Protein backbone atom coordinates (compact mmCIF):
# COMPACT_ATOMS: atom_id res chain seq x y z
CA MET A 1 -15.83 79.17 29.81
CA THR A 2 -14.15 76.36 31.27
CA VAL A 3 -14.10 73.31 29.50
CA ILE A 4 -14.38 70.09 31.05
CA LYS A 5 -13.04 66.77 29.40
CA ASN A 6 -15.70 64.27 29.18
CA GLU A 7 -13.87 60.96 30.39
CA ASN A 8 -15.74 57.84 29.55
CA ILE A 9 -16.37 56.28 32.72
CA ALA A 10 -17.83 53.27 31.75
CA ASP A 11 -14.74 51.94 30.28
CA LYS A 12 -12.77 51.64 33.30
CA PRO A 13 -14.59 49.19 34.82
CA ARG A 14 -14.29 47.10 31.04
CA ALA A 15 -10.61 47.32 31.45
CA SER A 16 -10.56 46.35 34.82
CA GLY A 17 -12.71 43.61 34.34
CA LYS A 18 -10.38 42.44 31.28
CA LYS A 19 -7.35 42.87 33.84
CA ILE A 20 -9.13 40.73 36.31
CA THR A 21 -9.90 37.90 33.46
CA GLY A 22 -6.27 38.28 32.20
CA ILE A 23 -4.66 37.38 35.65
CA VAL A 24 -6.97 34.22 36.22
CA PHE A 25 -6.12 33.43 32.59
CA ALA A 26 -2.83 33.51 33.84
CA VAL A 27 -3.29 31.42 37.06
CA ILE A 28 -4.86 28.67 35.23
CA LEU A 29 -2.12 28.57 32.70
CA LEU A 30 0.30 28.47 35.28
CA LEU A 31 -1.76 25.68 37.51
CA LEU A 32 -1.88 23.76 34.07
CA ALA A 33 1.78 24.27 33.31
CA HIS A 34 3.00 22.67 36.63
CA TYR A 35 0.18 19.87 36.78
CA ILE A 36 1.59 18.52 33.47
CA PHE A 37 5.35 18.91 34.31
CA MET A 38 4.57 16.92 37.99
CA LEU A 39 2.31 14.48 36.47
CA MET A 40 5.35 13.43 33.98
CA LEU A 41 7.57 13.47 37.32
CA TRP A 42 5.28 11.41 38.67
CA ILE A 43 5.35 8.78 35.78
CA LEU A 44 8.85 8.73 35.20
CA ASP A 45 9.33 8.56 39.14
CA ARG A 46 7.46 5.35 39.54
CA TYR A 47 7.51 3.76 36.10
CA ASP A 48 10.29 2.37 34.24
CA ASP A 49 10.60 3.07 30.63
CA VAL A 50 6.55 3.99 30.57
CA GLN A 51 5.58 4.56 26.63
CA PHE A 52 2.88 7.26 25.64
CA ASP A 53 0.64 4.02 24.62
CA GLN A 54 0.55 2.70 27.71
CA ILE A 55 -1.00 5.76 29.36
CA LEU A 56 -3.34 6.31 26.59
CA TYR A 57 -4.71 2.71 27.15
CA GLN A 58 -5.26 3.58 31.07
CA ILE A 59 -7.17 6.27 30.08
CA LYS A 60 -9.26 4.62 27.61
CA SER A 61 -10.19 1.76 29.94
CA PRO A 62 -11.81 0.98 33.18
CA VAL A 63 -9.68 2.92 35.94
CA ALA A 64 -11.53 0.95 38.98
CA GLY A 65 -9.88 -1.35 41.16
CA THR A 66 -6.72 1.07 41.09
CA SER A 67 -4.22 0.88 43.85
CA GLY A 68 -5.29 3.58 46.35
CA GLY A 69 -1.98 4.08 47.34
CA LEU A 70 -1.15 4.85 43.70
CA ILE A 71 -4.05 7.07 43.28
CA GLY A 72 -2.89 8.99 46.40
CA SER A 73 0.46 9.16 45.47
CA ALA A 74 -0.35 11.04 41.90
CA LEU A 75 -2.50 13.28 43.80
CA LEU A 76 0.01 14.51 46.17
CA THR A 77 2.73 15.14 43.14
CA VAL A 78 0.60 16.71 40.58
CA LEU A 79 -2.24 18.76 42.73
CA GLY A 80 -0.60 19.03 45.83
CA ILE A 81 3.24 19.73 44.93
CA GLY A 82 1.78 21.29 41.66
CA THR A 83 -0.19 23.99 43.63
CA LEU A 84 1.75 24.48 45.92
CA LEU A 85 4.72 25.66 43.45
CA SER A 86 2.25 27.67 41.26
CA ALA A 87 1.66 29.33 44.88
CA VAL A 88 5.38 30.34 45.48
CA GLU A 89 5.60 31.17 41.95
CA ILE A 90 2.79 33.63 41.92
CA GLY A 91 4.52 35.48 45.04
CA LEU A 92 7.82 35.68 43.48
CA TYR A 93 6.05 37.13 40.46
CA LEU A 94 3.97 39.68 42.46
CA LEU A 95 7.86 40.38 44.19
CA ILE A 96 9.49 40.97 41.09
CA SER A 97 6.72 42.87 39.08
CA GLY A 98 6.72 45.07 41.59
CA ARG A 99 2.86 44.80 42.35
CA LEU A 100 3.72 44.70 45.98
CA ALA A 101 4.60 48.29 46.38
CA PRO A 102 1.52 49.33 47.51
CA HIS A 103 1.75 46.92 50.60
CA LEU A 104 5.47 47.74 51.43
CA LYS A 105 5.84 51.34 51.10
CA ARG A 106 8.08 51.51 54.45
CA PHE A 107 10.66 49.77 51.83
CA LYS A 108 11.69 52.96 50.14
CA LYS A 109 14.34 50.74 47.77
CA TYR A 110 11.37 48.31 46.58
CA VAL A 111 8.74 51.17 46.05
CA ALA A 112 11.65 52.68 43.77
CA TYR A 113 12.39 49.10 42.25
CA SER A 114 8.63 48.63 41.22
CA ALA A 115 9.35 51.72 38.90
CA THR A 116 11.92 50.24 36.95
CA ARG A 117 11.92 48.58 33.38
CA VAL A 118 12.81 45.29 34.90
CA ALA A 119 9.63 45.33 37.28
CA THR A 120 7.59 47.00 34.32
CA PHE A 121 8.44 44.51 31.90
CA PHE A 122 7.09 41.44 34.04
CA LYS A 123 4.49 43.58 35.01
CA LYS A 124 2.83 43.86 31.91
CA ARG A 125 3.90 40.13 30.24
CA TYR A 126 2.02 37.68 33.00
CA LEU A 127 0.42 36.00 30.24
CA THR A 128 3.20 35.76 28.48
CA VAL A 129 5.29 34.38 30.95
CA THR A 130 2.62 31.93 32.19
CA SER A 131 1.75 30.79 28.19
CA LEU A 132 5.77 29.99 27.80
CA MET A 133 5.85 27.73 31.19
CA LEU A 134 2.88 25.65 29.70
CA ILE A 135 4.47 25.31 26.40
CA CYS A 136 7.26 24.32 27.98
CA SER A 137 5.88 21.89 30.26
CA VAL A 138 4.03 20.33 27.16
CA MET A 139 7.03 20.38 24.93
CA ILE A 140 8.82 18.57 27.82
CA PHE A 141 6.06 15.86 28.45
CA VAL A 142 5.43 15.13 24.95
CA PHE A 143 9.64 14.55 24.23
CA ARG A 144 10.22 12.81 27.57
CA LEU A 145 7.34 10.22 27.16
CA GLY A 146 7.29 9.74 23.22
CA VAL A 147 4.48 11.48 22.51
CA HIS A 148 5.67 13.06 19.52
CA ALA A 149 7.19 8.96 18.43
CA PHE A 150 3.49 7.98 19.04
CA ILE A 151 2.11 10.70 16.45
CA TYR A 152 4.33 9.68 14.15
CA ASN A 153 3.77 6.17 13.97
CA ALA A 154 -0.12 6.57 14.32
CA ILE A 155 0.88 8.08 10.60
CA VAL A 156 3.27 6.05 8.99
CA HIS A 157 1.24 3.15 7.88
CA THR A 158 2.67 -0.67 7.60
CA ASP A 159 0.89 -3.97 6.19
CA PHE A 160 3.58 -5.91 8.32
CA ILE A 161 0.59 -6.93 10.84
CA GLU A 162 -1.68 -7.63 8.07
CA ASN A 163 1.30 -10.17 6.45
CA HIS A 164 2.50 -11.63 9.42
CA TYR A 165 -0.88 -12.63 11.24
CA VAL A 166 -2.33 -15.93 11.73
CA ASP A 167 -5.66 -16.27 12.16
CA PRO A 168 -6.68 -19.04 14.93
CA ASP A 169 -10.27 -19.47 13.08
CA LYS A 170 -8.53 -20.52 10.55
CA THR A 171 -5.87 -22.70 11.31
CA GLU A 172 -6.36 -26.20 11.47
CA MET A 173 -5.61 -27.30 15.30
CA THR A 174 -5.73 -30.83 16.59
CA PHE A 175 -6.40 -31.63 20.00
CA PRO A 176 -5.20 -34.88 21.69
CA ASP A 177 -7.83 -37.70 22.44
CA GLU A 178 -7.37 -36.83 26.17
CA LYS A 179 -7.26 -33.24 26.29
CA ARG A 180 -4.90 -31.95 29.08
CA ASN A 181 -5.56 -29.13 31.72
CA LEU A 182 -3.99 -26.22 31.84
CA ILE A 183 -2.50 -23.94 34.59
CA TYR A 184 -1.50 -20.71 33.61
CA ILE A 185 -0.06 -18.50 36.26
CA PHE A 186 1.12 -14.87 35.34
CA LEU A 187 4.03 -13.83 37.69
CA GLU A 188 3.78 -10.36 38.21
CA SER A 189 7.05 -8.08 36.74
CA MET A 190 9.03 -11.80 37.00
CA GLU A 191 12.34 -11.30 34.78
CA THR A 192 15.44 -13.52 34.70
CA THR A 193 17.74 -10.97 35.64
CA TYR A 194 16.68 -11.37 39.57
CA ALA A 195 18.57 -14.49 39.29
CA ASP A 196 21.57 -13.32 36.96
CA THR A 197 24.47 -11.67 39.50
CA SER A 198 26.46 -11.08 36.91
CA VAL A 199 24.22 -7.60 35.87
CA GLY A 200 25.71 -5.68 38.38
CA GLY A 201 23.44 -3.14 40.58
CA LYS A 202 21.29 -4.40 43.28
CA ILE A 203 21.49 -7.99 42.05
CA THR A 204 24.02 -9.40 44.52
CA GLU A 205 22.70 -12.85 44.53
CA ASN A 206 19.85 -14.77 42.48
CA PHE A 207 16.52 -13.63 44.57
CA ILE A 208 14.45 -16.31 42.91
CA PRO A 209 15.99 -19.63 43.32
CA GLU A 210 12.79 -21.85 43.50
CA LEU A 211 11.90 -20.58 39.94
CA THR A 212 15.21 -21.12 38.84
CA GLU A 213 15.47 -24.45 39.98
CA LEU A 214 12.14 -25.07 38.28
CA ALA A 215 12.84 -23.72 35.06
CA SER A 216 16.11 -26.13 35.21
CA ASN A 217 14.47 -28.90 35.61
CA ASN A 218 11.43 -28.51 33.31
CA VAL A 219 11.64 -26.46 29.66
CA SER A 220 12.33 -22.94 29.90
CA PHE A 221 13.19 -21.09 26.42
CA THR A 222 16.22 -19.37 26.73
CA GLY A 223 18.45 -17.23 24.63
CA PRO A 224 22.02 -18.38 23.38
CA ASP A 225 23.07 -17.58 26.94
CA GLY A 226 20.98 -19.69 28.62
CA LYS A 227 19.71 -17.32 30.96
CA SER A 228 17.61 -14.80 28.95
CA GLY A 229 13.93 -15.30 28.56
CA ALA A 230 11.03 -13.55 26.45
CA LEU A 231 11.28 -10.35 24.93
CA SER A 232 9.12 -7.20 25.31
CA TYR A 233 7.76 -5.59 22.73
CA ILE A 234 5.89 -2.36 22.26
CA GLY A 235 1.74 -3.07 23.25
CA THR A 236 3.03 -6.10 25.71
CA ARG A 237 4.53 -3.79 28.43
CA TRP A 238 2.04 -3.60 31.23
CA THR A 239 0.10 -6.22 32.70
CA ALA A 240 -3.32 -6.09 31.04
CA ALA A 241 -1.43 -5.78 27.59
CA ALA A 242 0.62 -8.62 28.66
CA LEU A 243 -2.32 -11.05 29.56
CA PHE A 244 -4.01 -9.96 26.01
CA ALA A 245 -0.48 -10.78 24.25
CA GLN A 246 0.25 -14.00 25.78
CA THR A 247 -2.98 -15.53 24.99
CA SER A 248 -3.85 -13.83 21.45
CA GLY A 249 -0.50 -13.35 20.12
CA VAL A 250 -0.56 -9.80 19.45
CA VAL A 251 0.22 -6.78 20.63
CA ILE A 252 -2.04 -4.04 22.08
CA LYS A 253 -2.35 -0.96 19.81
CA VAL A 254 -4.05 2.00 21.28
CA PRO A 255 -5.75 4.27 18.39
CA LEU A 256 -6.59 7.91 19.57
CA ASN A 257 -10.21 7.39 17.45
CA PHE A 258 -11.24 4.15 18.75
CA ASP A 259 -12.37 2.62 22.11
CA VAL A 260 -12.54 -1.21 22.24
CA TYR A 261 -10.85 -2.10 25.31
CA GLY A 262 -13.98 -2.33 27.87
CA THR A 263 -15.68 1.00 28.32
CA ASP A 264 -18.07 0.45 26.15
CA GLY A 265 -18.71 -3.63 26.95
CA THR A 266 -16.52 -5.23 24.50
CA TYR A 267 -12.91 -5.99 23.80
CA MET A 268 -11.67 -6.61 20.53
CA PRO A 269 -14.27 -8.36 19.58
CA GLY A 270 -12.83 -9.55 15.84
CA ILE A 271 -9.55 -11.60 17.62
CA ALA A 272 -9.85 -15.34 18.40
CA THR A 273 -7.74 -15.84 21.93
CA LEU A 274 -6.39 -19.11 23.68
CA GLY A 275 -9.64 -18.58 25.71
CA ASP A 276 -11.78 -18.97 22.36
CA VAL A 277 -9.63 -21.90 21.23
CA LEU A 278 -10.10 -23.98 24.42
CA ALA A 279 -13.76 -22.76 25.14
CA ASP A 280 -14.59 -24.40 21.52
CA ALA A 281 -12.89 -27.27 22.61
CA GLY A 282 -15.06 -27.94 25.31
CA TYR A 283 -12.78 -26.76 28.46
CA GLN A 284 -14.06 -25.36 31.52
CA GLN A 285 -12.05 -21.93 32.21
CA THR A 286 -11.44 -19.58 35.50
CA ILE A 287 -9.49 -16.64 35.86
CA LEU A 288 -8.46 -15.66 39.83
CA LEU A 289 -7.22 -12.43 40.19
CA GLY A 290 -6.01 -10.60 43.89
CA SER A 291 -7.58 -7.63 42.77
CA ASP A 292 -10.37 -5.95 41.23
CA ALA A 293 -10.91 -7.45 37.54
CA GLY A 294 -12.73 -4.85 36.45
CA PHE A 295 -9.36 -2.93 36.18
CA ALA A 296 -7.92 -2.63 32.56
CA ALA A 297 -11.11 -4.15 31.58
CA ARG A 298 -9.60 -7.58 32.34
CA ASP A 299 -13.27 -9.06 32.99
CA THR A 300 -14.41 -8.17 29.88
CA TYR A 301 -11.44 -9.57 27.81
CA PHE A 302 -11.67 -13.03 29.44
CA THR A 303 -15.60 -12.79 29.49
CA GLU A 304 -16.09 -12.10 25.81
CA HIS A 305 -13.09 -14.25 24.64
CA GLY A 306 -13.65 -17.86 26.37
CA ASP A 307 -16.54 -17.35 29.20
CA TYR A 308 -14.13 -17.34 32.01
CA LYS A 309 -15.64 -17.90 35.56
CA ILE A 310 -14.41 -14.40 37.07
CA ILE A 311 -12.84 -14.62 40.59
CA ASP A 312 -11.75 -11.33 42.18
CA VAL A 313 -11.62 -9.43 45.37
CA TYR A 314 -15.47 -8.31 45.22
CA SER A 315 -16.52 -11.96 43.67
CA LEU A 316 -14.92 -13.66 47.06
CA ILE A 317 -16.47 -10.71 49.52
CA ASP A 318 -19.54 -11.18 47.66
CA GLU A 319 -19.44 -15.09 48.79
CA GLY A 320 -18.29 -14.56 52.30
CA LYS A 321 -14.69 -15.80 51.66
CA LEU A 322 -13.17 -12.61 52.64
CA PRO A 323 -14.15 -9.75 54.92
CA GLU A 324 -16.81 -7.02 53.58
CA ASP A 325 -14.03 -4.75 54.12
CA TYR A 326 -10.99 -6.51 53.42
CA TRP A 327 -8.18 -4.55 51.29
CA GLU A 328 -4.48 -5.37 51.06
CA TRP A 329 -2.46 -3.81 48.47
CA TRP A 330 -4.54 -4.39 45.04
CA GLY A 331 -7.06 -6.49 46.85
CA PHE A 332 -5.43 -9.36 48.76
CA GLU A 333 -1.93 -10.48 48.88
CA ASP A 334 -0.60 -13.83 47.18
CA GLU A 335 -0.85 -15.88 49.98
CA LYS A 336 -4.79 -15.71 49.84
CA LEU A 337 -4.41 -16.33 46.02
CA PHE A 338 -2.69 -19.53 46.39
CA ASP A 339 -5.59 -20.69 48.75
CA PHE A 340 -8.11 -19.76 46.62
CA ALA A 341 -6.14 -21.41 43.66
CA LYS A 342 -6.47 -24.61 45.32
CA GLU A 343 -9.66 -24.54 46.60
CA GLU A 344 -10.95 -23.50 42.42
CA LEU A 345 -8.41 -26.58 40.96
CA LEU A 346 -10.44 -29.21 43.32
CA ARG A 347 -13.69 -27.85 42.28
CA LEU A 348 -12.60 -27.71 38.51
CA SER A 349 -10.89 -31.22 38.53
CA ALA A 350 -13.84 -32.55 39.89
CA THR A 351 -16.21 -32.24 37.30
CA GLY A 352 -14.26 -34.78 34.74
CA GLN A 353 -13.94 -31.52 31.97
CA PRO A 354 -11.14 -30.40 30.84
CA PHE A 355 -10.46 -26.89 32.37
CA ASN A 356 -7.82 -23.99 31.80
CA PHE A 357 -6.82 -22.33 35.36
CA THR A 358 -5.65 -18.76 34.88
CA THR A 359 -4.20 -16.51 37.95
CA LEU A 360 -1.68 -13.70 38.05
CA THR A 361 0.31 -12.90 40.93
CA ALA A 362 0.41 -9.62 42.20
CA ASP A 363 2.70 -9.14 45.84
CA THR A 364 5.70 -8.18 43.27
CA HIS A 365 4.00 -5.38 41.58
CA PHE A 366 5.85 -1.90 41.83
CA PRO A 367 6.82 0.03 44.00
CA ASP A 368 8.70 -2.24 46.15
CA GLY A 369 6.16 -5.08 46.54
CA TYR A 370 3.79 -5.99 49.07
CA PRO A 371 5.99 -7.91 52.14
CA CYS A 372 3.51 -10.27 53.47
CA ARG A 373 3.60 -12.07 56.62
CA LEU A 374 5.65 -15.13 54.96
CA CYS A 375 8.63 -12.61 53.22
CA PRO A 376 11.91 -12.99 55.05
CA ASP A 377 13.74 -9.96 55.90
CA THR A 378 16.98 -11.36 54.41
CA HIS A 379 18.10 -9.02 51.89
CA GLU A 380 18.85 -4.78 52.04
CA GLU A 381 16.14 -4.52 49.92
CA GLN A 382 12.16 -4.91 50.45
CA TYR A 383 11.65 -5.80 46.59
CA ALA A 384 14.59 -8.47 47.00
CA ASN A 385 12.48 -9.99 49.74
CA VAL A 386 9.26 -10.02 48.10
CA LEU A 387 10.82 -11.68 45.00
CA SER A 388 12.21 -14.64 46.89
CA CYS A 389 9.29 -14.30 49.00
CA SER A 390 7.21 -15.03 45.38
CA SER A 391 9.65 -17.88 44.24
CA ARG A 392 9.42 -19.61 47.23
CA GLN A 393 5.11 -19.42 47.29
CA VAL A 394 5.11 -20.36 43.49
CA TYR A 395 7.35 -23.35 44.06
CA GLU A 396 5.45 -24.70 47.31
CA PHE A 397 1.89 -24.34 45.15
CA ILE A 398 3.57 -26.26 42.04
CA GLU A 399 4.40 -29.18 44.54
CA TRP A 400 1.19 -29.03 46.01
CA CYS A 401 -0.48 -29.58 42.33
CA LYS A 402 2.16 -32.60 42.03
CA GLN A 403 0.14 -34.20 44.85
CA GLN A 404 -2.92 -34.18 42.99
CA SER A 405 -5.05 -36.43 41.04
CA PHE A 406 -5.29 -33.88 38.08
CA TYR A 407 -1.57 -33.24 38.08
CA GLU A 408 -0.74 -35.97 35.85
CA ASN A 409 -2.97 -34.95 32.80
CA THR A 410 -2.12 -31.15 33.64
CA THR A 411 0.45 -28.60 32.02
CA ILE A 412 1.49 -25.56 33.90
CA VAL A 413 2.88 -22.37 32.73
CA LEU A 414 4.58 -19.85 34.18
CA ALA A 415 5.35 -16.88 32.96
CA GLY A 416 6.46 -13.27 33.73
CA ASP A 417 3.93 -10.68 32.22
CA HIS A 418 6.61 -8.30 31.81
CA LEU A 419 9.57 -6.40 33.02
CA THR A 420 9.59 -5.06 36.08
CA MET A 421 8.16 -1.02 36.24
CA ASP A 422 10.25 -0.26 39.43
CA PRO A 423 13.13 2.17 38.23
CA ASN A 424 15.07 2.02 41.60
CA PHE A 425 15.48 -1.53 41.64
CA LEU A 426 17.36 -2.26 38.85
CA GLU A 427 19.29 0.77 38.86
CA GLY A 428 22.94 0.31 38.03
CA ILE A 429 22.94 -2.84 36.47
CA ASP A 430 24.68 -3.34 33.09
CA GLU A 431 23.02 -0.86 30.76
CA ASN A 432 24.15 -3.35 27.67
CA TYR A 433 21.91 -5.77 29.42
CA VAL A 434 18.70 -7.16 27.82
CA ARG A 435 16.34 -7.70 30.52
CA THR A 436 13.60 -10.55 29.55
CA THR A 437 10.75 -11.98 31.13
CA TYR A 438 10.70 -15.54 33.02
CA ASN A 439 9.38 -18.61 31.46
CA CYS A 440 8.85 -22.42 32.49
CA ILE A 441 6.57 -25.00 30.95
CA ILE A 442 5.68 -27.62 33.47
CA ASN A 443 4.46 -31.62 32.31
CA SER A 444 4.70 -30.78 28.57
CA ALA A 445 3.24 -33.23 26.52
CA VAL A 446 6.04 -32.54 23.83
CA GLU A 447 9.44 -31.96 24.15
CA PRO A 448 11.24 -28.78 22.03
CA GLU A 449 13.22 -29.40 19.27
CA LYS A 450 15.54 -26.59 20.55
CA GLU A 451 15.01 -24.86 23.68
CA THR A 452 18.11 -22.76 24.14
CA GLY A 453 19.53 -20.36 21.74
CA ARG A 454 15.96 -19.34 20.97
CA GLN A 455 15.00 -14.86 20.52
CA PHE A 456 11.41 -14.44 21.30
CA ALA A 457 8.63 -12.87 22.35
CA THR A 458 5.97 -12.96 24.87
CA PHE A 459 3.31 -13.49 22.37
CA ASP A 460 5.10 -16.43 21.17
CA MET A 461 3.62 -17.98 24.01
CA PHE A 462 0.26 -18.35 22.63
CA PRO A 463 0.59 -21.17 20.35
CA THR A 464 3.53 -22.48 22.31
CA THR A 465 0.77 -23.42 25.08
CA LEU A 466 -1.55 -25.01 22.84
CA ALA A 467 1.55 -26.97 21.89
CA ALA A 468 2.73 -27.99 25.51
CA LEU A 469 -0.95 -29.09 25.72
CA GLY A 470 -0.44 -31.35 22.98
CA VAL A 471 -2.67 -29.62 19.96
CA GLU A 472 -0.75 -29.79 16.95
CA ILE A 473 -1.03 -26.58 14.91
CA LYS A 474 -0.89 -26.58 10.90
CA GLY A 475 2.48 -24.09 10.46
CA ASN A 476 3.08 -23.99 14.24
CA ARG A 477 1.89 -20.25 13.77
CA LEU A 478 -0.80 -18.60 15.53
CA GLY A 479 -1.35 -14.77 15.84
CA LEU A 480 2.11 -13.44 15.56
CA GLY A 481 3.58 -16.23 17.67
CA VAL A 482 5.69 -18.64 16.39
CA ASN A 483 5.12 -22.51 18.48
CA LEU A 484 8.81 -22.31 20.14
CA PHE A 485 8.57 -26.39 20.58
CA SER A 486 9.00 -26.54 17.10
CA GLY A 487 11.88 -25.37 14.82
CA GLU A 488 10.05 -22.63 13.44
CA GLU A 489 11.68 -19.46 13.07
CA THR A 490 10.40 -16.49 15.04
CA LEU A 491 9.78 -13.15 13.96
CA THR A 492 12.15 -11.65 16.68
CA GLU A 493 14.79 -14.32 14.80
CA LYS A 494 13.90 -13.57 11.32
CA TYR A 495 13.76 -9.65 11.52
CA GLY A 496 15.50 -8.76 14.85
CA TYR A 497 14.24 -6.71 17.51
CA ASP A 498 14.94 -3.28 16.41
CA ARG A 499 12.89 -3.82 13.36
CA LEU A 500 10.55 -6.11 14.66
CA GLU A 501 10.09 -3.22 17.60
CA SER A 502 9.87 -0.49 14.95
CA GLU A 503 7.12 -2.23 12.66
CA LEU A 504 4.67 -2.98 15.72
CA GLN A 505 4.57 0.88 16.68
CA LYS A 506 3.53 1.84 13.24
CA SER A 507 -0.11 2.23 12.32
CA SER A 508 -2.14 -0.97 10.81
CA ALA A 509 -5.29 -0.48 8.88
CA PHE A 510 -5.71 -4.45 8.92
CA TYR A 511 -5.12 -4.56 12.87
CA ILE A 512 -8.39 -1.93 12.90
CA GLU A 513 -10.45 -4.06 10.47
CA GLN A 514 -9.71 -7.41 11.82
CA PHE A 515 -9.77 -6.98 15.75
CA TYR A 516 -11.87 -4.21 15.76
CA ASP A 517 -14.31 -5.85 13.83
CA ASP A 518 -17.91 -4.48 12.89
CA LYS A 519 -17.45 -1.53 15.68
CA ALA A 520 -14.59 0.01 14.09
CA LYS A 521 -16.34 0.48 10.80
CA SER A 522 -19.63 1.75 12.36
CA ASP A 523 -17.43 4.39 14.29
CA GLU A 524 -15.77 5.48 10.95
CA ASP A 525 -18.81 5.21 9.02
CA GLU A 526 -20.20 7.97 12.25
């Protein structure tokens, strides 16, 4: 009798199904590996010295209003190039593993190669190879963008902020009998570097001569060299963080487990800011942005802290002051920004109440800036032309302000928000050069005790701005900032840049309890 061996035919489809599942999983791992790697390359190419806290902040805050060109560039790099690389590598894998042998039977040498140990090795280890590629991509991303440092600092606790924070709500402040108006202009990416031809690289001449003249003829706090300005610390190095730091005296910290940056309708509810102080003093307040105010929750911040009137690209379209389909750069160019600023200032001044008008330029945003119709073509670099154009427009706007009836009782603050993120324009400058942001205070109510030889941070602008309005601040400190008009020692002068930078990165229970208010506590209870 012939015995027929009974094979379990049902196992074959099951094995085939596992194989297909394994291949699909391997493709997913490969795509993730390339997407993560290309995302890192895109970030490093687009942003200079970016930290993980900035990336996390953007994830945890509203992204409406992000430049379409920026999003398009990210999608093209990450998804487009990442997918293309994956497809090429899948093709190479199929070739190296010998899996193409059934389709290339006429190539005898390749068919013979497909049976070798090398081909067999790769054929059986596609999951291992793609897993290793994903692990490598993640590790490179983590260390190149400082995720490991962020995690370390989230674990290490400090009481530095608690020991040095001065609460504006608990600080005695005395306004002058006649309250001065404030015009605060945040200058996008405006550095003192652009005027210093000694730094080398592409800084071949002073690209901001008008701003340099304004700084020379008015109050401008500088370091021992008479050139440098404010230092940018961790948590102040992107626009939303810079606006927050200069108006609150505190850096942005982005814990993983809390979200109070606008997505839930609140923004650091426990902190007192410049807007809060001026609102309590009876000021009308407006912020004008040439973009979507909802981007990074700026509308939430300025509404919650000071009840600012918000003017942005969408509100101006709704009012019919811009065409419905108008969109240039991040919304509209600075030429229009200054025209709208003049209109709003005339409205505010006509009310007879003290006012705080705040605005933010945008043409000098990276990459390469926005060359408007007013920009000359006198420099080799587009960014240099945009910087020069911005310098001239700001100067002309200040000259217009000086001709207005409100000027005599108005203080104007010009402040770079942060260092430029354009990684190419400052390529080649002296690596030991300390880059700082621009500052200039025009028509101040007081004179500084020491204008040069200072070492200070952008968050020192909070009490300094109030002092420029003639406000007397008991102790000359608010937030982590120091009134630079006084002779008080700043935290930078007391501890040095490296020590202060280190302490500001560490976890602070006080920061959460003080500034996140009851929301943080309720989240913890949940």
